[in-house]
All heavy atoms as atom14 arrays in JSON, in Angstrom:
{
  "sequence": "HDVGNVAVPAEVLRKEEALNDNEREIMQVHAILGESMAERLHFPE",
  "atom14_mask": [
    [1, 1, 1, 1, 1, 1, 1, 1, 1, 1, 0, 0, 0, 0],
    [1, 1, 1, 1, 1, 1, 1, 1, 0, 0, 0, 0, 0, 0],
    [1, 1, 1, 1, 1, 1, 1, 0, 0, 0, 0, 0, 0, 0],
    [1, 1, 1, 1, 0, 0, 0, 0, 0, 0, 0, 0, 0, 0],
    [1, 1, 1, 1, 1, 1, 1, 1, 0, 0, 0, 0, 0, 0],
    [1, 1, 1, 1, 1, 1, 1, 0, 0, 0, 0, 0, 0, 0],
    [1, 1, 1, 1, 1, 0, 0, 0, 0, 0, 0, 0, 0, 0],
    [1, 1, 1, 1, 1, 1, 1, 0, 0, 0, 0, 0, 0, 0],
    [1, 1, 1, 1, 1, 1, 1, 0, 0, 0, 0, 0, 0, 0],
    [1, 1, 1, 1, 1, 0, 0, 0, 0, 0, 0, 0, 0, 0],
    [1, 1, 1, 1, 1, 1, 1, 1, 1, 0, 0, 0, 0, 0],
    [1, 1, 1, 1, 1, 1, 1, 0, 0, 0, 0, 0, 0, 0],
    [1, 1, 1, 1, 1, 1, 1, 1, 0, 0, 0, 0, 0, 0],
    [1, 1, 1, 1, 1, 1, 1, 1, 1, 1, 1, 0, 0, 0],
    [1, 1, 1, 1, 1, 1, 1, 1, 1, 0, 0, 0, 0, 0],
    [1, 1, 1, 1, 1, 1, 1, 1, 1, 0, 0, 0, 0, 0],
    [1, 1, 1, 1, 1, 1, 1, 1, 1, 0, 0, 0, 0, 0],
    [1, 1, 1, 1, 1, 0, 0, 0, 0, 0, 0, 0, 0, 0],
    [1, 1, 1, 1, 1, 1, 1, 1, 0, 0, 0, 0, 0, 0],
    [1, 1, 1, 1, 1, 1, 1, 1, 0, 0, 0, 0, 0, 0],
    [1, 1, 1, 1, 1, 1, 1, 1, 0, 0, 0, 0, 0, 0],
    [1, 1, 1, 1, 1, 1, 1, 1, 0, 0, 0, 0, 0, 0],
    [1, 1, 1, 1, 1, 1, 1, 1, 1, 0, 0, 0, 0, 0],
    [1, 1, 1, 1, 1, 1, 1, 1, 1, 1, 1, 0, 0, 0],
    [1, 1, 1, 1, 1, 1, 1, 1, 1, 0, 0, 0, 0, 0],
    [1, 1, 1, 1, 1, 1, 1, 1, 0, 0, 0, 0, 0, 0],
    [1, 1, 1, 1, 1, 1, 1, 1, 0, 0, 0, 0, 0, 0],
    [1, 1, 1, 1, 1, 1, 1, 1, 1, 0, 0, 0, 0, 0],
    [1, 1, 1, 1, 1, 1, 1, 0, 0, 0, 0, 0, 0, 0],
    [1, 1, 1, 1, 1, 1, 1, 1, 1, 1, 0, 0, 0, 0],
    [1, 1, 1, 1, 1, 0, 0, 0, 0, 0, 0, 0, 0, 0],
    [1, 1, 1, 1, 1, 1, 1, 1, 0, 0, 0, 0, 0, 0],
    [1, 1, 1, 1, 1, 1, 1, 1, 0, 0, 0, 0, 0, 0],
    [1, 1, 1, 1, 0, 0, 0, 0, 0, 0, 0, 0, 0, 0],
    [1, 1, 1, 1, 1, 1, 1, 1, 1, 0, 0, 0, 0, 0],
    [1, 1, 1, 1, 1, 1, 0, 0, 0, 0, 0, 0, 0, 0],
    [1, 1, 1, 1, 1, 1, 1, 1, 0, 0, 0, 0, 0, 0],
    [1, 1, 1, 1, 1, 0, 0, 0, 0, 0, 0, 0, 0, 0],
    [1, 1, 1, 1, 1, 1, 1, 1, 1, 0, 0, 0, 0, 0],
    [1, 1, 1, 1, 1, 1, 1, 1, 1, 1, 1, 0, 0, 0],
    [1, 1, 1, 1, 1, 1, 1, 1, 0, 0, 0, 0, 0, 0],
    [1, 1, 1, 1, 1, 1, 1, 1, 1, 1, 0, 0, 0, 0],
    [1, 1, 1, 1, 1, 1, 1, 1, 1, 1, 1, 0, 0, 0],
    [1, 1, 1, 1, 1, 1, 1, 0, 0, 0, 0, 0, 0, 0],
    [1, 1, 1, 1, 1, 1, 1, 1, 1, 0, 0, 0, 0, 0]
  ],
  "atom14_positions": [
    [[-4.87, -5.2, -7.54], [-3.93, -4.08, -7.66], [-3.65, -3.4, -6.32], [-2.6, -2.8, -6.12], [-4.44, -3.05, -8.68], [-5.65, -2.27, -8.23], [-6.93, -2.81, -8.22], [-5.78, -1.0, -7.77], [-7.78, -1.9, -7.79], [-7.11, -0.79, -7.5], [0.0, 0.0, 0.0], [0.0, 0.0, 0.0], [0.0, 0.0, 0.0], [0.0, 0.0, 0.0]],
    [[-4.58, -3.51, -5.37], [-4.42, -2.81, -4.09], [-4.12, -3.74, -2.92], [-4.31, -3.35, -1.76], [-5.69, -2.01, -3.77], [-5.67, -0.61, -4.37], [-4.56, -0.12, -4.7], [-6.73, 0.0, -4.51], [0.0, 0.0, 0.0], [0.0, 0.0, 0.0], [0.0, 0.0, 0.0], [0.0, 0.0, 0.0], [0.0, 0.0, 0.0], [0.0, 0.0, 0.0]],
    [[-3.64, -4.97, -3.17], [-3.44, -5.89, -2.04], [-2.4, -5.37, -1.06], [-2.41, -5.72, 0.13], [-3.01, -7.3, -2.52], [-4.13, -8.0, -3.23], [-1.75, -7.24, -3.38], [0.0, 0.0, 0.0], [0.0, 0.0, 0.0], [0.0, 0.0, 0.0], [0.0, 0.0, 0.0], [0.0, 0.0, 0.0], [0.0, 0.0, 0.0], [0.0, 0.0, 0.0]],
    [[-1.49, -4.52, -1.52], [-0.49, -3.94, -0.63], [-1.07, -3.04, 0.44], [-0.37, -2.68, 1.4], [0.0, 0.0, 0.0], [0.0, 0.0, 0.0], [0.0, 0.0, 0.0], [0.0, 0.0, 0.0], [0.0, 0.0, 0.0], [0.0, 0.0, 0.0], [0.0, 0.0, 0.0], [0.0, 0.0, 0.0], [0.0, 0.0, 0.0], [0.0, 0.0, 0.0]],
    [[-2.34, -2.69, 0.31], [-2.99, -1.84, 1.32], [-3.02, -2.5, 2.7], [-3.24, -1.84, 3.71], [-4.43, -1.53, 0.91], [-4.5, -0.42, -0.11], [-3.51, 0.27, -0.38], [-5.67, -0.23, -0.71], [0.0, 0.0, 0.0], [0.0, 0.0, 0.0], [0.0, 0.0, 0.0], [0.0, 0.0, 0.0], [0.0, 0.0, 0.0], [0.0, 0.0, 0.0]],
    [[-2.78, -3.83, 2.73], [-2.8, -4.53, 4.0], [-1.74, -3.96, 4.95], [-1.88, -4.06, 6.18], [-2.59, -6.05, 3.78], [-1.18, -6.36, 3.3], [-2.92, -6.84, 5.03], [0.0, 0.0, 0.0], [0.0, 0.0, 0.0], [0.0, 0.0, 0.0], [0.0, 0.0, 0.0], [0.0, 0.0, 0.0], [0.0, 0.0, 0.0], [0.0, 0.0, 0.0]],
    [[-0.68, -3.35, 4.4], [0.4, -2.8, 5.23], [0.19, -1.33, 5.58], [0.97, -0.77, 6.35], [1.74, -2.97, 4.51], [0.0, 0.0, 0.0], [0.0, 0.0, 0.0], [0.0, 0.0, 0.0], [0.0, 0.0, 0.0], [0.0, 0.0, 0.0], [0.0, 0.0, 0.0], [0.0, 0.0, 0.0], [0.0, 0.0, 0.0], [0.0, 0.0, 0.0]],
    [[-0.85, -0.72, 5.03], [-1.08, 0.7, 5.28], [-2.01, 0.86, 6.48], [-3.07, 0.21, 6.54], [-1.71, 1.37, 4.04], [-1.95, 2.85, 4.29], [-0.81, 1.18, 2.82], [0.0, 0.0, 0.0], [0.0, 0.0, 0.0], [0.0, 0.0, 0.0], [0.0, 0.0, 0.0], [0.0, 0.0, 0.0], [0.0, 0.0, 0.0], [0.0, 0.0, 0.0]],
    [[-1.64, 1.67, 7.46], [-2.51, 1.86, 8.63], [-3.91, 2.31, 8.23], [-4.09, 3.08, 7.28], [-1.79, 2.96, 9.42], [-0.35, 2.85, 9.0], [-0.4, 2.44, 7.56], [0.0, 0.0, 0.0], [0.0, 0.0, 0.0], [0.0, 0.0, 0.0], [0.0, 0.0, 0.0], [0.0, 0.0, 0.0], [0.0, 0.0, 0.0], [0.0, 0.0, 0.0]],
    [[-4.89, 1.82, 8.97], [-6.28, 2.13, 8.65], [-6.55, 3.62, 8.66], [-7.31, 4.13, 7.82], [-7.21, 1.41, 9.64], [0.0, 0.0, 0.0], [0.0, 0.0, 0.0], [0.0, 0.0, 0.0], [0.0, 0.0, 0.0], [0.0, 0.0, 0.0], [0.0, 0.0, 0.0], [0.0, 0.0, 0.0], [0.0, 0.0, 0.0], [0.0, 0.0, 0.0]],
    [[-5.91, 4.35, 9.61], [-6.2, 5.79, 9.69], [-5.71, 6.53, 8.45], [-6.27, 7.57, 8.08], [-5.57, 6.4, 10.95], [-4.06, 6.23, 11.09], [-3.66, 4.95, 11.78], [-4.5, 4.03, 11.85], [-2.51, 4.88, 12.25], [0.0, 0.0, 0.0], [0.0, 0.0, 0.0], [0.0, 0.0, 0.0], [0.0, 0.0, 0.0], [0.0, 0.0, 0.0]],
    [[-4.67, 6.01, 7.81], [-4.2, 6.63, 6.57], [-5.15, 6.32, 5.43], [-5.49, 7.2, 4.62], [-2.76, 6.15, 6.24], [-2.31, 6.69, 4.88], [-1.79, 6.57, 7.33], [0.0, 0.0, 0.0], [0.0, 0.0, 0.0], [0.0, 0.0, 0.0], [0.0, 0.0, 0.0], [0.0, 0.0, 0.0], [0.0, 0.0, 0.0], [0.0, 0.0, 0.0]],
    [[-5.59, 5.07, 5.34], [-6.5, 4.69, 4.28], [-7.82, 5.45, 4.36], [-8.41, 5.82, 3.34], [-6.78, 3.19, 4.34], [-5.68, 2.25, 3.84], [-6.04, 0.8, 4.16], [-5.49, 2.4, 2.33], [0.0, 0.0, 0.0], [0.0, 0.0, 0.0], [0.0, 0.0, 0.0], [0.0, 0.0, 0.0], [0.0, 0.0, 0.0], [0.0, 0.0, 0.0]],
    [[-8.28, 5.7, 5.6], [-9.61, 6.29, 5.78], [-9.59, 7.82, 5.83], [-10.64, 8.45, 5.84], [-10.23, 5.77, 7.08], [-10.5, 4.27, 7.06], [-11.0, 3.78, 8.41], [-11.22, 2.34, 8.42], [-11.55, 1.64, 9.49], [-11.71, 2.26, 10.66], [-11.73, 0.34, 9.42], [0.0, 0.0, 0.0], [0.0, 0.0, 0.0], [0.0, 0.0, 0.0]],
    [[-8.42, 8.39, 5.84], [-8.31, 9.86, 5.97], [-8.93, 10.54, 4.76], [-8.61, 10.22, 3.61], [-6.84, 10.25, 6.11], [-6.65, 11.71, 6.47], [-5.18, 12.02, 6.75], [-5.0, 13.49, 7.11], [-3.57, 13.8, 7.37], [0.0, 0.0, 0.0], [0.0, 0.0, 0.0], [0.0, 0.0, 0.0], [0.0, 0.0, 0.0], [0.0, 0.0, 0.0]],
    [[-9.83, 11.48, 5.02], [-10.57, 12.13, 3.93], [-9.88, 13.4, 3.45], [-10.01, 13.76, 2.28], [-12.0, 12.43, 4.36], [-12.78, 11.15, 4.68], [-14.26, 11.41, 4.9], [-14.71, 12.52, 4.56], [-14.96, 10.52, 5.39], [0.0, 0.0, 0.0], [0.0, 0.0, 0.0], [0.0, 0.0, 0.0], [0.0, 0.0, 0.0], [0.0, 0.0, 0.0]],
    [[-9.12, 14.08, 4.31], [-8.4, 15.27, 3.86], [-7.06, 14.86, 3.25], [-6.69, 13.69, 3.26], [-8.19, 16.25, 5.03], [-7.4, 15.71, 6.2], [-8.29, 15.03, 7.24], [-9.44, 14.68, 6.9], [-7.8, 14.84, 8.38], [0.0, 0.0, 0.0], [0.0, 0.0, 0.0], [0.0, 0.0, 0.0], [0.0, 0.0, 0.0], [0.0, 0.0, 0.0]],
    [[-6.35, 15.83, 2.71], [-5.09, 15.54, 2.03], [-4.08, 14.9, 2.98], [-4.02, 15.23, 4.18], [-4.51, 16.83, 1.46], [0.0, 0.0, 0.0], [0.0, 0.0, 0.0], [0.0, 0.0, 0.0], [0.0, 0.0, 0.0], [0.0, 0.0, 0.0], [0.0, 0.0, 0.0], [0.0, 0.0, 0.0], [0.0, 0.0, 0.0], [0.0, 0.0, 0.0]],
    [[-3.31, 13.96, 2.48], [-2.28, 13.3, 3.28], [-1.08, 14.21, 3.43], [-0.73, 14.97, 2.53], [-1.84, 12.0, 2.6], [-2.92, 10.93, 2.33], [-2.3, 9.74, 1.62], [-3.58, 10.5, 3.62], [0.0, 0.0, 0.0], [0.0, 0.0, 0.0], [0.0, 0.0, 0.0], [0.0, 0.0, 0.0], [0.0, 0.0, 0.0], [0.0, 0.0, 0.0]],
    [[-0.41, 14.14, 4.6], [0.85, 14.86, 4.74], [1.97, 14.05, 4.09], [1.76, 12.94, 3.63], [1.14, 15.17, 6.22], [1.26, 13.9, 7.07], [1.83, 12.9, 6.63], [0.71, 13.94, 8.29], [0.0, 0.0, 0.0], [0.0, 0.0, 0.0], [0.0, 0.0, 0.0], [0.0, 0.0, 0.0], [0.0, 0.0, 0.0], [0.0, 0.0, 0.0]],
    [[3.17, 14.64, 4.08], [4.29, 13.99, 3.38], [4.58, 12.6, 3.94], [4.83, 11.65, 3.18], [5.55, 14.85, 3.46], [5.42, 16.12, 2.63], [4.51, 16.18, 1.79], [6.24, 17.05, 2.83], [0.0, 0.0, 0.0], [0.0, 0.0, 0.0], [0.0, 0.0, 0.0], [0.0, 0.0, 0.0], [0.0, 0.0, 0.0], [0.0, 0.0, 0.0]],
    [[4.57, 12.45, 5.25], [4.87, 11.17, 5.87], [3.81, 10.13, 5.52], [4.12, 8.98, 5.17], [4.95, 11.32, 7.39], [5.36, 10.02, 8.08], [6.36, 9.41, 7.71], [4.57, 9.6, 9.06], [0.0, 0.0, 0.0], [0.0, 0.0, 0.0], [0.0, 0.0, 0.0], [0.0, 0.0, 0.0], [0.0, 0.0, 0.0], [0.0, 0.0, 0.0]],
    [[2.55, 10.56, 5.59], [1.45, 9.65, 5.26], [1.5, 9.26, 3.78], [1.2, 8.12, 3.42], [0.12, 10.3, 5.59], [-0.12, 10.46, 7.09], [-1.28, 11.39, 7.39], [-1.62, 12.24, 6.53], [-1.84, 11.28, 8.49], [0.0, 0.0, 0.0], [0.0, 0.0, 0.0], [0.0, 0.0, 0.0], [0.0, 0.0, 0.0], [0.0, 0.0, 0.0]],
    [[1.88, 10.23, 2.94], [1.97, 9.94, 1.51], [3.04, 8.88, 1.24], [2.86, 7.98, 0.42], [2.26, 11.21, 0.73], [2.13, 11.05, -0.78], [2.28, 12.37, -1.51], [1.2, 13.29, -1.18], [1.34, 14.38, -0.39], [2.52, 14.66, 0.13], [0.32, 15.15, -0.13], [0.0, 0.0, 0.0], [0.0, 0.0, 0.0], [0.0, 0.0, 0.0]],
    [[4.17, 8.98, 1.94], [5.24, 7.98, 1.77], [4.76, 6.6, 2.21], [5.06, 5.58, 1.56], [6.46, 8.39, 2.58], [7.25, 9.53, 1.96], [8.5, 9.85, 2.76], [8.86, 9.03, 3.64], [9.11, 10.89, 2.51], [0.0, 0.0, 0.0], [0.0, 0.0, 0.0], [0.0, 0.0, 0.0], [0.0, 0.0, 0.0], [0.0, 0.0, 0.0]],
    [[4.03, 6.56, 3.32], [3.49, 5.29, 3.8], [2.54, 4.7, 2.77], [2.59, 3.51, 2.44], [2.78, 5.48, 5.16], [3.8, 5.86, 6.24], [2.01, 4.21, 5.54], [3.16, 6.24, 7.55], [0.0, 0.0, 0.0], [0.0, 0.0, 0.0], [0.0, 0.0, 0.0], [0.0, 0.0, 0.0], [0.0, 0.0, 0.0], [0.0, 0.0, 0.0]],
    [[1.67, 5.55, 2.22], [0.68, 5.1, 1.26], [1.34, 4.55, 0.0], [0.91, 3.54, -0.57], [-0.25, 6.27, 0.9], [-1.43, 5.87, 0.04], [-2.57, 4.81, 0.97], [-3.66, 4.28, -0.34], [0.0, 0.0, 0.0], [0.0, 0.0, 0.0], [0.0, 0.0, 0.0], [0.0, 0.0, 0.0], [0.0, 0.0, 0.0], [0.0, 0.0, 0.0]],
    [[2.42, 5.16, -0.43], [3.05, 4.76, -1.68], [3.75, 3.41, -1.58], [4.02, 2.77, -2.6], [4.05, 5.84, -2.11], [3.36, 7.13, -2.56], [4.34, 8.22, -2.97], [5.55, 8.01, -2.94], [3.82, 9.38, -3.34], [0.0, 0.0, 0.0], [0.0, 0.0, 0.0], [0.0, 0.0, 0.0], [0.0, 0.0, 0.0], [0.0, 0.0, 0.0]],
    [[4.0, 2.97, -0.36], [4.65, 1.67, -0.17], [3.75, 0.53, -0.66], [4.24, -0.54, -1.03], [5.01, 1.47, 1.32], [5.42, 0.03, 1.59], [6.14, 2.41, 1.7], [0.0, 0.0, 0.0], [0.0, 0.0, 0.0], [0.0, 0.0, 0.0], [0.0, 0.0, 0.0], [0.0, 0.0, 0.0], [0.0, 0.0, 0.0], [0.0, 0.0, 0.0]],
    [[2.44, 0.76, -0.7], [1.52, -0.35, -0.99], [1.74, -0.94, -2.38], [1.53, -2.13, -2.61], [0.06, 0.09, -0.81], [-0.57, 0.71, -2.01], [-0.37, 2.03, -2.35], [-1.39, 0.19, -2.97], [-1.06, 2.31, -3.44], [-1.68, 1.21, -3.84], [0.0, 0.0, 0.0], [0.0, 0.0, 0.0], [0.0, 0.0, 0.0], [0.0, 0.0, 0.0]],
    [[2.2, -0.13, -3.32], [2.43, -0.64, -4.67], [3.61, -1.62, -4.7], [3.56, -2.67, -5.35], [2.67, 0.51, -5.64], [0.0, 0.0, 0.0], [0.0, 0.0, 0.0], [0.0, 0.0, 0.0], [0.0, 0.0, 0.0], [0.0, 0.0, 0.0], [0.0, 0.0, 0.0], [0.0, 0.0, 0.0], [0.0, 0.0, 0.0], [0.0, 0.0, 0.0]],
    [[4.67, -1.27, -3.97], [5.85, -2.15, -3.92], [5.55, -3.41, -3.14], [5.92, -4.52, -3.54], [7.04, -1.38, -3.3], [7.4, -0.17, -4.16], [8.24, -2.3, -3.13], [8.43, 0.74, -3.54], [0.0, 0.0, 0.0], [0.0, 0.0, 0.0], [0.0, 0.0, 0.0], [0.0, 0.0, 0.0], [0.0, 0.0, 0.0], [0.0, 0.0, 0.0]],
    [[4.88, -3.24, -2.0], [4.53, -4.41, -1.19], [3.6, -5.34, -1.95], [3.75, -6.56, -1.9], [3.87, -3.96, 0.12], [3.42, -5.11, 1.03], [4.61, -5.9, 1.51], [2.61, -4.59, 2.2], [0.0, 0.0, 0.0], [0.0, 0.0, 0.0], [0.0, 0.0, 0.0], [0.0, 0.0, 0.0], [0.0, 0.0, 0.0], [0.0, 0.0, 0.0]],
    [[2.64, -4.77, -2.66], [1.71, -5.59, -3.43], [2.43, -6.43, -4.47], [2.14, -7.62, -4.64], [0.0, 0.0, 0.0], [0.0, 0.0, 0.0], [0.0, 0.0, 0.0], [0.0, 0.0, 0.0], [0.0, 0.0, 0.0], [0.0, 0.0, 0.0], [0.0, 0.0, 0.0], [0.0, 0.0, 0.0], [0.0, 0.0, 0.0], [0.0, 0.0, 0.0]],
    [[3.41, -5.83, -5.14], [4.19, -6.58, -6.12], [4.95, -7.71, -5.43], [5.02, -8.85, -5.94], [5.17, -5.66, -6.84], [6.03, -6.38, -7.86], [7.25, -5.58, -8.28], [7.77, -4.8, -7.45], [7.7, -5.76, -9.42], [0.0, 0.0, 0.0], [0.0, 0.0, 0.0], [0.0, 0.0, 0.0], [0.0, 0.0, 0.0], [0.0, 0.0, 0.0]],
    [[5.53, -7.43, -4.27], [6.28, -8.44, -3.54], [5.38, -9.59, -3.11], [5.76, -10.77, -3.19], [6.94, -7.8, -2.31], [7.61, -8.76, -1.53], [0.0, 0.0, 0.0], [0.0, 0.0, 0.0], [0.0, 0.0, 0.0], [0.0, 0.0, 0.0], [0.0, 0.0, 0.0], [0.0, 0.0, 0.0], [0.0, 0.0, 0.0], [0.0, 0.0, 0.0]],
    [[4.17, -9.27, -2.67], [3.22, -10.31, -2.28], [2.85, -11.18, -3.47], [2.78, -12.41, -3.37], [1.96, -9.67, -1.68], [2.2, -8.98, -0.34], [0.76, -8.04, 0.22], [-0.41, -9.35, 0.52], [0.0, 0.0, 0.0], [0.0, 0.0, 0.0], [0.0, 0.0, 0.0], [0.0, 0.0, 0.0], [0.0, 0.0, 0.0], [0.0, 0.0, 0.0]],
    [[2.64, -10.56, -4.62], [2.29, -11.3, -5.83], [3.43, -12.24, -6.23], [3.19, -13.37, -6.67], [1.97, -10.35, -6.97], [0.0, 0.0, 0.0], [0.0, 0.0, 0.0], [0.0, 0.0, 0.0], [0.0, 0.0, 0.0], [0.0, 0.0, 0.0], [0.0, 0.0, 0.0], [0.0, 0.0, 0.0], [0.0, 0.0, 0.0], [0.0, 0.0, 0.0]],
    [[4.65, -11.79, -6.03], [5.8, -12.63, -6.36], [5.89, -13.82, -5.41], [6.12, -14.96, -5.84], [7.09, -11.81, -6.31], [8.32, -12.57, -6.71], [9.57, -11.72, -6.75], [9.51, -10.54, -6.34], [10.61, -12.23, -7.19], [0.0, 0.0, 0.0], [0.0, 0.0, 0.0], [0.0, 0.0, 0.0], [0.0, 0.0, 0.0], [0.0, 0.0, 0.0]],
    [[5.7, -13.56, -4.13], [5.78, -14.64, -3.15], [4.69, -15.69, -3.37], [4.89, -16.86, -3.08], [5.68, -14.08, -1.72], [6.89, -13.33, -1.24], [6.94, -13.26, 0.28], [5.69, -12.85, 0.87], [5.31, -11.59, 1.06], [6.1, -10.59, 0.67], [4.15, -11.31, 1.62], [0.0, 0.0, 0.0], [0.0, 0.0, 0.0], [0.0, 0.0, 0.0]],
    [[3.55, -15.24, -3.88], [2.44, -16.16, -4.09], [2.41, -16.72, -5.51], [1.42, -17.3, -5.94], [1.11, -15.46, -3.77], [0.9, -15.12, -2.3], [-0.41, -14.4, -2.09], [0.95, -16.37, -1.44], [0.0, 0.0, 0.0], [0.0, 0.0, 0.0], [0.0, 0.0, 0.0], [0.0, 0.0, 0.0], [0.0, 0.0, 0.0], [0.0, 0.0, 0.0]],
    [[3.5, -16.51, -6.24], [3.68, -17.12, -7.56], [2.64, -16.69, -8.59], [2.27, -17.48, -9.48], [3.68, -18.65, -7.45], [4.89, -19.2, -6.75], [5.74, -20.1, -7.34], [5.4, -18.98, -5.52], [6.71, -20.4, -6.49], [6.53, -19.73, -5.39], [0.0, 0.0, 0.0], [0.0, 0.0, 0.0], [0.0, 0.0, 0.0], [0.0, 0.0, 0.0]],
    [[2.15, -15.44, -8.47], [1.28, -14.94, -9.52], [2.07, -14.87, -10.83], [3.3, -14.71, -10.82], [0.75, -13.55, -9.17], [-0.48, -13.57, -8.31], [-0.38, -13.54, -6.93], [-1.74, -13.65, -8.88], [-1.5, -13.58, -6.12], [-2.88, -13.69, -8.09], [-2.77, -13.65, -6.71], [0.0, 0.0, 0.0], [0.0, 0.0, 0.0], [0.0, 0.0, 0.0]],
    [[1.4, -15.01, -11.98], [2.11, -14.89, -13.26], [2.94, -13.61, -13.31], [2.49, -12.56, -12.83], [0.98, -14.87, -14.29], [-0.15, -15.61, -13.64], [-0.04, -15.27, -12.17], [0.0, 0.0, 0.0], [0.0, 0.0, 0.0], [0.0, 0.0, 0.0], [0.0, 0.0, 0.0], [0.0, 0.0, 0.0], [0.0, 0.0, 0.0], [0.0, 0.0, 0.0]],
    [[4.13, -13.69, -13.87], [5.03, -12.55, -13.9], [4.4, -11.32, -14.53], [4.7, -10.19, -14.14], [6.31, -12.92, -14.65], [7.23, -13.87, -13.89], [8.54, -14.09, -14.59], [8.8, -13.38, -15.59], [9.31, -14.97, -14.16], [0.0, 0.0, 0.0], [0.0, 0.0, 0.0], [0.0, 0.0, 0.0], [0.0, 0.0, 0.0], [0.0, 0.0, 0.0]]
  ]
}
C-alpha cells in the first residue's frame, strides 16, 4: 500500500512534527504514484 513512498523525500517521511501544506501535498502523491506503479507492474486490477 505504501510503495509510492519511493517518490517522497526522506526528510518528509521522517519528519516528526506536523507537515506544512507543501509537504502534505508531496506526501499525498504517494497514493497516486503507488497505483501507477502497480499498474505498470501488472498487479491484479
